[in-house]
Amino acid sequence: MQQQKSANVKKLLFKTFQSITLSQQAQDKLYAIWKDKKAPAGVKLNEDDYTSLALALAVRDYKADNILQQQLTRIQNPDRKKRLEFLMPALSADVQVRDAFFASLAEAENREKESWVGSALGYLHHPLRARTSEKYLPQSLELLEEIQQTGDIFFPFNWLSATFDSYQSPEAAKVVRDFLAAHPNYNPKLKAKILQAADGLFRAEKLVERKQAGS
């Protein structure tokens, strides 16, 4: 990032760094940038970027609840503030709060802001949260028909993608196969969407199995 001259490339690389950071040292650097609102040289960060940075730190359990509460006070736009308020339970460090948030999505009125729901599911099923979020997968599939009836035409696939995109385990793949086996007469269009959304999961499962077999 420091070697690049283009501001756009610098920002793209910074966003990549933000998304893959795992070490404590790297997270401390990101936190300092967020806390002081001092972007790296040549990188311009706006309010949305700092919110995204706070969310990236929170999903890593880096001062999760505190950092989101602080970011909430920084946001001036009312709609953006409401969006963050909606996302916050999905990013809570407390698994019981995350459980309650997922359970709330069974009610149609809590799915009205479909783009917000998709973002929340992405964080809820983040790879770093997979161990505690895999249990949501069966109910996510059970809700699909209702989601089709109550939501936008694109929402069922968006719901599935946000739910399954981060998984690669045999256990997650088994959830999909078991659901389809238990519903042999399932809506063909929805079945196709499930298979489409789970394609990456099935491919990743095979790669993991080959790697394990090779080792």
Protein backbone atom coordinates (compact mmCIF):
# COMPACT_ATOMS: atom_id res chain seq x y z
CA MET A 1 0.00 0.00 0.00
CA GLN A 2 2.80 2.40 0.89
CA GLN A 3 4.56 1.69 -2.40
CA GLN A 4 1.52 2.54 -4.53
CA LYS A 5 1.01 6.00 -6.01
CA SER A 6 -2.68 5.72 -6.95
CA ALA A 7 -5.02 6.79 -4.14
CA ASN A 8 -7.64 4.30 -5.35
CA VAL A 9 -5.18 1.40 -5.23
CA LYS A 10 -3.95 2.49 -1.80
CA LYS A 11 -7.49 2.46 -0.45
CA LEU A 12 -8.26 -0.91 -2.06
CA LEU A 13 -5.17 -2.43 -0.43
CA PHE A 14 -6.06 -0.86 2.90
CA LYS A 15 -9.54 -2.39 2.71
CA THR A 16 -7.96 -5.77 1.93
CA PHE A 17 -5.64 -5.44 4.91
CA GLN A 18 -8.65 -4.54 7.06
CA SER A 19 -10.55 -7.63 5.91
CA ILE A 20 -7.77 -10.20 6.49
CA THR A 21 -6.16 -8.85 9.66
CA LEU A 22 -5.72 -11.44 12.40
CA SER A 23 -2.67 -10.54 14.46
CA GLN A 24 -2.94 -8.43 17.58
CA GLN A 25 -0.34 -6.00 16.26
CA ALA A 26 -2.25 -5.42 13.03
CA GLN A 27 -5.55 -4.99 14.87
CA ASP A 28 -3.91 -2.47 17.19
CA LYS A 29 -2.82 -0.48 14.13
CA LEU A 30 -6.35 -0.50 12.73
CA TYR A 31 -7.77 0.52 16.08
CA ALA A 32 -5.36 3.47 16.29
CA ILE A 33 -6.46 4.60 12.82
CA TRP A 34 -10.12 4.34 13.83
CA LYS A 35 -9.67 5.92 17.28
CA ASP A 36 -7.72 8.96 16.07
CA LYS A 37 -9.52 9.21 12.71
CA LYS A 38 -6.08 9.38 11.11
CA ALA A 39 -5.98 7.44 7.86
CA PRO A 40 -2.67 6.11 6.47
CA ALA A 41 -0.76 8.49 4.20
CA GLY A 42 -2.46 8.81 0.83
CA VAL A 43 -5.68 7.08 1.95
CA LYS A 44 -8.92 9.01 2.36
CA LEU A 45 -11.50 7.53 4.74
CA ASN A 46 -15.05 8.86 5.10
CA GLU A 47 -17.70 8.19 7.74
CA ASP A 48 -18.79 4.93 6.10
CA ASP A 49 -15.17 3.76 5.94
CA TYR A 50 -14.66 4.35 9.65
CA THR A 51 -17.91 2.51 10.38
CA SER A 52 -16.69 -0.40 8.25
CA LEU A 53 -13.41 -0.35 10.16
CA ALA A 54 -15.24 -0.43 13.49
CA LEU A 55 -17.31 -3.39 12.28
CA ALA A 56 -14.19 -5.24 11.11
CA LEU A 57 -12.63 -4.82 14.55
CA ALA A 58 -15.83 -5.76 16.36
CA VAL A 59 -16.25 -9.05 14.50
CA ARG A 60 -12.74 -9.88 15.72
CA ASP A 61 -13.94 -9.22 19.29
CA TYR A 62 -11.63 -6.23 19.50
CA LYS A 63 -13.46 -4.11 22.09
CA ALA A 64 -16.56 -5.15 20.17
CA ASP A 65 -19.45 -3.56 22.05
CA ASN A 66 -17.49 -0.51 23.16
CA ILE A 67 -16.12 0.37 19.74
CA LEU A 68 -19.55 0.10 18.11
CA GLN A 69 -21.17 2.27 20.75
CA GLN A 70 -18.49 4.89 20.18
CA GLN A 71 -18.90 4.72 16.40
CA LEU A 72 -22.63 5.19 16.84
CA THR A 73 -22.01 8.56 18.49
CA ARG A 74 -19.80 9.64 15.60
CA ILE A 75 -22.35 9.03 12.85
CA GLN A 76 -24.30 12.09 11.78
CA ASN A 77 -26.61 10.63 9.15
CA PRO A 78 -29.81 9.28 10.79
CA ASP A 79 -30.23 6.36 8.35
CA ARG A 80 -26.62 5.26 8.74
CA LYS A 81 -27.02 5.47 12.50
CA LYS A 82 -30.12 3.25 12.36
CA ARG A 83 -28.26 0.79 10.15
CA LEU A 84 -25.45 0.44 12.66
CA GLU A 85 -27.95 0.06 15.50
CA PHE A 86 -29.52 -2.80 13.55
CA LEU A 87 -26.16 -4.49 12.91
CA MET A 88 -24.80 -4.17 16.43
CA PRO A 89 -26.48 -7.25 17.97
CA ALA A 90 -25.12 -9.41 15.14
CA LEU A 91 -21.61 -8.28 16.07
CA SER A 92 -21.95 -8.49 19.83
CA ALA A 93 -19.19 -10.28 21.73
CA ASP A 94 -21.97 -12.04 23.66
CA VAL A 95 -23.16 -15.14 21.81
CA GLN A 96 -26.54 -14.97 23.55
CA VAL A 97 -27.12 -11.53 22.06
CA ARG A 98 -26.26 -12.91 18.63
CA ASP A 99 -28.61 -15.85 19.23
CA ALA A 100 -31.44 -13.45 20.09
CA PHE A 101 -30.73 -11.38 16.99
CA PHE A 102 -30.92 -14.38 14.69
CA ALA A 103 -34.13 -15.55 16.38
CA SER A 104 -35.64 -12.11 15.77
CA LEU A 105 -35.23 -12.57 12.00
CA ALA A 106 -38.00 -15.17 12.08
CA GLU A 107 -40.41 -12.21 12.26
CA ALA A 108 -41.05 -10.57 8.90
CA GLU A 109 -41.06 -7.04 10.35
CA ASN A 110 -37.43 -7.54 11.42
CA ARG A 111 -36.45 -8.32 7.82
CA GLU A 112 -37.91 -5.20 6.22
CA LYS A 113 -34.51 -3.61 5.55
CA GLU A 114 -33.25 -6.49 3.44
CA SER A 115 -29.85 -5.00 2.65
CA TRP A 116 -29.28 -4.49 6.38
CA VAL A 117 -30.27 -8.10 7.04
CA GLY A 118 -27.81 -9.30 4.40
CA SER A 119 -25.00 -7.28 5.97
CA ALA A 120 -25.89 -8.52 9.45
CA LEU A 121 -25.90 -12.15 8.29
CA GLY A 122 -22.49 -11.64 6.69
CA TYR A 123 -21.07 -10.60 10.05
CA LEU A 124 -23.08 -13.20 11.97
CA HIS A 125 -21.62 -15.97 9.78
CA HIS A 126 -18.15 -14.43 9.47
CA PRO A 127 -15.43 -17.14 9.39
CA LEU A 128 -14.26 -16.03 12.84
CA ARG A 129 -17.78 -16.66 14.17
CA ALA A 130 -18.50 -19.90 12.29
CA ARG A 131 -18.02 -22.09 15.36
CA THR A 132 -20.92 -20.42 17.16
CA SER A 133 -23.04 -19.57 14.10
CA GLU A 134 -23.19 -22.90 12.28
CA LYS A 135 -26.16 -23.81 14.47
CA TYR A 136 -28.22 -21.15 12.64
CA LEU A 137 -27.96 -22.91 9.28
CA PRO A 138 -30.90 -25.36 9.57
CA GLN A 139 -33.33 -22.63 10.63
CA SER A 140 -32.00 -20.35 7.91
CA LEU A 141 -33.09 -22.93 5.34
CA GLU A 142 -36.44 -23.53 7.06
CA LEU A 143 -37.22 -19.81 6.79
CA LEU A 144 -36.53 -19.64 3.08
CA GLU A 145 -40.08 -20.24 1.82
CA GLU A 146 -41.48 -17.55 4.12
CA ILE A 147 -38.72 -15.19 3.03
CA GLN A 148 -39.72 -15.73 -0.58
CA GLN A 149 -43.35 -14.91 0.27
CA THR A 150 -42.62 -11.79 2.33
CA GLY A 151 -39.54 -10.31 0.67
CA ASP A 152 -38.17 -8.92 -2.56
CA ILE A 153 -37.62 -11.28 -5.49
CA PHE A 154 -33.84 -11.18 -4.96
CA PHE A 155 -33.93 -11.58 -1.19
CA PRO A 156 -34.00 -15.41 -0.96
CA PHE A 157 -30.71 -15.76 -2.81
CA ASN A 158 -29.17 -12.83 -0.95
CA TRP A 159 -30.26 -14.44 2.33
CA LEU A 160 -28.66 -17.74 1.30
CA SER A 161 -25.46 -16.17 0.02
CA ALA A 162 -24.93 -14.09 3.16
CA THR A 163 -25.55 -17.21 5.23
CA PHE A 164 -23.42 -19.81 3.43
CA ASP A 165 -20.63 -17.87 1.69
CA SER A 166 -18.15 -18.14 4.56
CA TYR A 167 -18.50 -21.87 5.30
CA GLN A 168 -16.32 -24.70 4.06
CA SER A 169 -16.86 -27.44 6.62
CA PRO A 170 -18.38 -30.90 6.00
CA GLU A 171 -20.84 -30.16 8.80
CA ALA A 172 -22.21 -27.09 7.01
CA ALA A 173 -22.44 -28.98 3.72
CA LYS A 174 -24.28 -31.79 5.48
CA VAL A 175 -26.91 -29.32 6.71
CA VAL A 176 -27.72 -28.42 3.10
CA ARG A 177 -27.79 -32.03 1.91
CA ASP A 178 -29.93 -33.15 4.85
CA PHE A 179 -32.40 -30.32 4.25
CA LEU A 180 -32.80 -31.17 0.57
CA ALA A 181 -33.11 -34.88 1.35
CA ALA A 182 -35.82 -34.13 3.91
CA HIS A 183 -37.75 -32.00 1.38
CA PRO A 184 -37.81 -34.03 -1.87
CA ASN A 185 -40.70 -31.99 -3.26
CA TYR A 186 -39.26 -28.63 -2.35
CA ASN A 187 -39.98 -25.59 -4.51
CA PRO A 188 -37.73 -26.13 -7.58
CA LYS A 189 -36.77 -22.47 -7.88
CA LEU A 190 -35.80 -22.26 -4.23
CA LYS A 191 -33.93 -25.56 -4.45
CA ALA A 192 -31.93 -24.15 -7.35
CA LYS A 193 -31.09 -21.05 -5.31
CA ILE A 194 -29.93 -23.25 -2.40
CA LEU A 195 -27.69 -25.28 -4.70
CA GLN A 196 -26.33 -22.12 -6.30
CA ALA A 197 -25.59 -20.49 -2.94
CA ALA A 198 -24.03 -23.70 -1.57
CA ASP A 199 -21.86 -24.36 -4.62
CA GLY A 200 -18.87 -22.58 -3.09
CA LEU A 201 -19.39 -24.48 0.16
CA PHE A 202 -19.41 -27.84 -1.63
CA ARG A 203 -16.28 -26.93 -3.64
CA ALA A 204 -14.46 -25.71 -0.52
CA GLU A 205 -15.46 -28.87 1.33
CA LYS A 206 -13.80 -31.00 -1.36
CA LEU A 207 -10.63 -28.91 -1.30
CA VAL A 208 -10.39 -29.20 2.47
CA GLU A 209 -10.92 -32.97 2.25
CA ARG A 210 -8.18 -33.31 -0.39
CA LYS A 211 -5.79 -31.21 1.69
CA GLN A 212 -6.48 -33.32 4.77
CA ALA A 213 -6.08 -36.55 2.79
CA GLY A 214 -2.74 -35.30 1.41
CA SER A 215 -1.44 -34.44 4.85
